[in-house]
N, C-alpha and C. Protein backbone atom coordinates (compact mmCIF):
# COMPACT_ATOMS: atom_id res chain seq x y z
N UNK A 1 -14.40 -13.74 27.36
CA UNK A 1 -13.66 -12.95 26.39
C UNK A 1 -14.52 -12.76 25.15
N UNK A 2 -14.64 -11.54 24.74
CA UNK A 2 -15.46 -11.20 23.59
C UNK A 2 -14.68 -11.49 22.31
N UNK A 3 -15.35 -12.05 21.32
CA UNK A 3 -14.71 -12.37 20.05
C UNK A 3 -14.38 -11.10 19.26
N UNK A 4 -13.37 -11.22 18.42
CA UNK A 4 -12.95 -10.09 17.60
C UNK A 4 -13.95 -9.89 16.47
N UNK A 5 -14.41 -8.69 16.32
CA UNK A 5 -15.36 -8.37 15.27
C UNK A 5 -14.65 -8.30 13.92
N UNK A 6 -15.30 -8.76 12.90
CA UNK A 6 -14.72 -8.78 11.56
C UNK A 6 -14.86 -7.42 10.88
N UNK A 7 -15.86 -6.65 11.24
CA UNK A 7 -16.12 -5.38 10.57
C UNK A 7 -14.95 -4.41 10.61
N UNK A 8 -14.29 -4.17 11.75
CA UNK A 8 -13.15 -3.24 11.74
C UNK A 8 -11.99 -3.73 10.87
N UNK A 9 -11.77 -5.02 10.83
CA UNK A 9 -10.69 -5.55 10.01
C UNK A 9 -11.00 -5.37 8.53
N UNK A 10 -12.22 -5.69 8.13
CA UNK A 10 -12.61 -5.53 6.73
C UNK A 10 -12.58 -4.05 6.35
N UNK A 11 -13.04 -3.18 7.23
CA UNK A 11 -13.01 -1.75 6.96
C UNK A 11 -11.59 -1.25 6.77
N UNK A 12 -10.67 -1.69 7.62
CA UNK A 12 -9.28 -1.27 7.51
C UNK A 12 -8.67 -1.73 6.18
N UNK A 13 -8.93 -2.97 5.80
CA UNK A 13 -8.38 -3.49 4.54
C UNK A 13 -8.96 -2.73 3.35
N UNK A 14 -10.25 -2.44 3.37
CA UNK A 14 -10.88 -1.71 2.27
C UNK A 14 -10.32 -0.29 2.17
N UNK A 15 -10.12 0.38 3.30
CA UNK A 15 -9.55 1.73 3.28
C UNK A 15 -8.12 1.71 2.76
N UNK A 16 -7.32 0.75 3.20
CA UNK A 16 -5.94 0.66 2.73
C UNK A 16 -5.89 0.40 1.23
N UNK A 17 -6.68 -0.55 0.75
CA UNK A 17 -6.69 -0.86 -0.67
C UNK A 17 -7.26 0.29 -1.50
N UNK A 18 -8.27 0.98 -0.98
CA UNK A 18 -8.82 2.14 -1.69
C UNK A 18 -7.82 3.28 -1.79
N UNK A 19 -7.10 3.55 -0.73
CA UNK A 19 -6.08 4.60 -0.77
C UNK A 19 -4.95 4.22 -1.71
N UNK A 20 -4.54 2.95 -1.71
CA UNK A 20 -3.51 2.51 -2.65
C UNK A 20 -3.99 2.64 -4.09
N UNK A 21 -5.25 2.29 -4.35
CA UNK A 21 -5.79 2.45 -5.70
C UNK A 21 -5.75 3.91 -6.12
N UNK A 22 -6.16 4.80 -5.23
CA UNK A 22 -6.16 6.23 -5.54
C UNK A 22 -4.76 6.71 -5.87
N UNK A 23 -3.77 6.35 -5.06
CA UNK A 23 -2.39 6.80 -5.27
C UNK A 23 -1.88 6.31 -6.61
N UNK A 24 -2.01 5.04 -6.88
CA UNK A 24 -1.43 4.50 -8.11
C UNK A 24 -2.23 4.88 -9.35
N UNK A 25 -3.52 5.12 -9.21
CA UNK A 25 -4.29 5.62 -10.34
C UNK A 25 -3.85 7.04 -10.70
N UNK A 26 -3.63 7.88 -9.70
CA UNK A 26 -3.15 9.25 -9.96
C UNK A 26 -1.74 9.23 -10.54
N UNK A 27 -0.86 8.37 -10.02
CA UNK A 27 0.49 8.27 -10.57
C UNK A 27 0.44 7.77 -12.01
N UNK A 28 -0.45 6.84 -12.31
CA UNK A 28 -0.61 6.32 -13.67
C UNK A 28 -1.04 7.45 -14.61
N UNK A 29 -1.93 8.32 -14.16
CA UNK A 29 -2.39 9.43 -14.98
C UNK A 29 -1.30 10.46 -15.20
N UNK A 30 -0.42 10.65 -14.22
CA UNK A 30 0.64 11.65 -14.34
C UNK A 30 1.81 11.18 -15.20
N UNK A 31 1.93 9.87 -15.39
CA UNK A 31 3.06 9.34 -16.15
C UNK A 31 2.87 9.55 -17.64
N UNK A 32 3.97 9.78 -18.37
CA UNK A 32 3.87 9.75 -19.83
C UNK A 32 3.58 8.32 -20.29
N UNK A 33 2.96 8.16 -21.44
CA UNK A 33 2.58 6.80 -21.88
C UNK A 33 3.78 5.99 -22.38
N UNK A 34 4.70 5.69 -21.49
CA UNK A 34 5.86 4.87 -21.80
C UNK A 34 5.62 3.49 -21.17
N UNK A 35 5.70 2.46 -21.99
CA UNK A 35 5.34 1.12 -21.54
C UNK A 35 6.25 0.65 -20.39
N UNK A 36 7.54 0.88 -20.51
CA UNK A 36 8.47 0.40 -19.48
C UNK A 36 8.17 1.06 -18.13
N UNK A 37 7.93 2.36 -18.14
CA UNK A 37 7.62 3.06 -16.90
C UNK A 37 6.33 2.58 -16.27
N UNK A 38 5.34 2.31 -17.09
CA UNK A 38 4.06 1.85 -16.55
C UNK A 38 4.14 0.42 -16.02
N UNK A 39 4.94 -0.41 -16.66
CA UNK A 39 5.15 -1.77 -16.15
C UNK A 39 5.87 -1.71 -14.81
N UNK A 40 6.89 -0.85 -14.71
CA UNK A 40 7.60 -0.69 -13.45
C UNK A 40 6.67 -0.17 -12.35
N UNK A 41 5.79 0.79 -12.70
CA UNK A 41 4.84 1.31 -11.72
C UNK A 41 3.88 0.22 -11.26
N UNK A 42 3.42 -0.61 -12.18
CA UNK A 42 2.51 -1.70 -11.81
C UNK A 42 3.21 -2.70 -10.88
N UNK A 43 4.45 -3.02 -11.18
CA UNK A 43 5.21 -3.92 -10.30
C UNK A 43 5.44 -3.31 -8.94
N UNK A 44 5.78 -2.03 -8.92
CA UNK A 44 5.98 -1.32 -7.66
C UNK A 44 4.69 -1.29 -6.85
N UNK A 45 3.56 -1.09 -7.53
CA UNK A 45 2.26 -1.06 -6.85
C UNK A 45 1.96 -2.39 -6.17
N UNK A 46 2.26 -3.48 -6.85
CA UNK A 46 2.01 -4.80 -6.26
C UNK A 46 2.87 -4.99 -5.01
N UNK A 47 4.13 -4.58 -5.08
CA UNK A 47 5.03 -4.73 -3.93
C UNK A 47 4.54 -3.88 -2.76
N UNK A 48 4.17 -2.64 -3.04
CA UNK A 48 3.75 -1.73 -1.97
C UNK A 48 2.43 -2.17 -1.34
N UNK A 49 1.51 -2.66 -2.16
CA UNK A 49 0.23 -3.11 -1.62
C UNK A 49 0.42 -4.39 -0.80
N UNK A 50 1.28 -5.28 -1.24
CA UNK A 50 1.50 -6.54 -0.53
C UNK A 50 2.39 -6.39 0.70
N UNK A 51 3.21 -5.36 0.74
CA UNK A 51 4.21 -5.22 1.80
C UNK A 51 3.63 -5.21 3.22
N UNK A 52 2.63 -4.39 3.53
CA UNK A 52 2.16 -4.41 4.92
C UNK A 52 1.50 -5.73 5.30
N UNK A 53 0.84 -6.37 4.34
CA UNK A 53 0.22 -7.65 4.63
C UNK A 53 1.27 -8.74 4.85
N UNK A 54 2.35 -8.71 4.06
CA UNK A 54 3.45 -9.65 4.28
C UNK A 54 4.09 -9.42 5.64
N UNK A 55 4.25 -8.15 6.00
CA UNK A 55 4.85 -7.84 7.29
C UNK A 55 3.99 -8.29 8.46
N UNK A 56 2.67 -8.15 8.32
CA UNK A 56 1.78 -8.57 9.40
C UNK A 56 1.62 -10.08 9.48
N UNK A 57 1.43 -10.70 8.32
CA UNK A 57 1.17 -12.13 8.32
C UNK A 57 2.42 -12.96 8.57
N UNK A 58 3.57 -12.48 8.11
CA UNK A 58 4.80 -13.24 8.28
C UNK A 58 5.70 -12.72 9.37
N UNK A 59 5.17 -11.89 10.24
CA UNK A 59 5.99 -11.26 11.26
C UNK A 59 6.68 -12.22 12.21
N UNK A 60 6.07 -13.35 12.47
CA UNK A 60 6.67 -14.32 13.39
C UNK A 60 7.70 -15.22 12.70
N UNK A 61 7.56 -15.38 11.40
CA UNK A 61 8.41 -16.31 10.66
C UNK A 61 9.59 -15.60 9.99
N UNK A 62 9.35 -14.41 9.47
CA UNK A 62 10.37 -13.69 8.71
C UNK A 62 11.36 -13.00 9.65
N UNK A 63 12.55 -12.69 9.13
CA UNK A 63 13.52 -11.94 9.94
C UNK A 63 12.99 -10.55 10.30
N UNK A 64 13.43 -10.04 11.42
CA UNK A 64 12.95 -8.75 11.91
C UNK A 64 13.28 -7.63 10.93
N UNK A 65 14.46 -7.66 10.33
CA UNK A 65 14.84 -6.60 9.39
C UNK A 65 13.94 -6.59 8.17
N UNK A 66 13.58 -7.77 7.67
CA UNK A 66 12.68 -7.86 6.51
C UNK A 66 11.28 -7.38 6.87
N UNK A 67 10.79 -7.78 8.02
CA UNK A 67 9.46 -7.35 8.47
C UNK A 67 9.42 -5.84 8.68
N UNK A 68 10.49 -5.27 9.25
CA UNK A 68 10.54 -3.82 9.45
C UNK A 68 10.57 -3.09 8.12
N UNK A 69 11.32 -3.61 7.15
CA UNK A 69 11.38 -3.00 5.83
C UNK A 69 10.02 -3.05 5.15
N UNK A 70 9.32 -4.19 5.25
CA UNK A 70 8.00 -4.31 4.65
C UNK A 70 7.02 -3.34 5.30
N UNK A 71 7.13 -3.16 6.59
CA UNK A 71 6.26 -2.23 7.29
C UNK A 71 6.52 -0.79 6.84
N UNK A 72 7.79 -0.42 6.72
CA UNK A 72 8.12 0.94 6.30
C UNK A 72 7.70 1.19 4.86
N UNK A 73 7.94 0.24 3.97
CA UNK A 73 7.55 0.40 2.57
C UNK A 73 6.04 0.47 2.46
N UNK A 74 5.35 -0.38 3.18
CA UNK A 74 3.89 -0.43 3.08
C UNK A 74 3.18 0.78 3.65
N UNK A 75 3.79 1.44 4.62
CA UNK A 75 3.13 2.59 5.22
C UNK A 75 3.64 3.93 4.71
N UNK A 76 4.73 3.94 3.97
CA UNK A 76 5.26 5.22 3.48
C UNK A 76 4.42 5.81 2.35
N UNK A 77 3.51 5.02 1.79
CA UNK A 77 2.65 5.55 0.75
C UNK A 77 1.75 6.65 1.28
N UNK A 78 1.57 6.71 2.59
CA UNK A 78 0.71 7.73 3.18
C UNK A 78 1.17 9.14 2.82
N UNK A 79 2.46 9.36 2.75
CA UNK A 79 2.99 10.67 2.38
C UNK A 79 2.59 11.01 0.95
N UNK A 80 2.71 10.04 0.05
CA UNK A 80 2.32 10.26 -1.35
C UNK A 80 0.82 10.47 -1.44
N UNK A 81 0.05 9.70 -0.69
CA UNK A 81 -1.40 9.85 -0.69
C UNK A 81 -1.81 11.25 -0.26
N UNK A 82 -1.23 11.74 0.82
CA UNK A 82 -1.58 13.08 1.31
C UNK A 82 -1.15 14.16 0.32
N UNK A 83 0.01 14.01 -0.30
CA UNK A 83 0.46 14.99 -1.28
C UNK A 83 -0.48 15.04 -2.48
N UNK A 84 -0.90 13.88 -2.97
CA UNK A 84 -1.82 13.85 -4.11
C UNK A 84 -3.20 14.36 -3.71
N UNK A 85 -3.63 14.07 -2.51
CA UNK A 85 -4.92 14.55 -2.04
C UNK A 85 -4.93 16.07 -1.92
N UNK A 86 -3.85 16.63 -1.37
CA UNK A 86 -3.74 18.09 -1.25
C UNK A 86 -3.71 18.73 -2.63
N UNK A 87 -3.03 18.10 -3.58
CA UNK A 87 -2.95 18.63 -4.94
C UNK A 87 -4.34 18.66 -5.59
N UNK A 88 -5.17 17.66 -5.31
CA UNK A 88 -6.51 17.60 -5.90
C UNK A 88 -7.47 18.58 -5.24
N UNK A 89 -7.23 18.92 -3.99
CA UNK A 89 -8.15 19.84 -3.29
C UNK A 89 -7.83 21.21 -3.73
């Protein structure tokens, strides 16, 4: 049995984190400079970035409904990413 290569895993994590950075950086730029809104966006960013990793790492221990919710929250940013990317092009 061939061992699992680390390169694809590291590449996937870097792409996911880079896309999340792009989305939240663009949202930060679009927001008016209101402290409460920016704090909420930063908190939301932490939850969204951590969600898919929590779903993957805790999938065997956590309830199925929680894992499914984390998966949906963590992957739904793709729609926002594509919308912002199309807007920039």
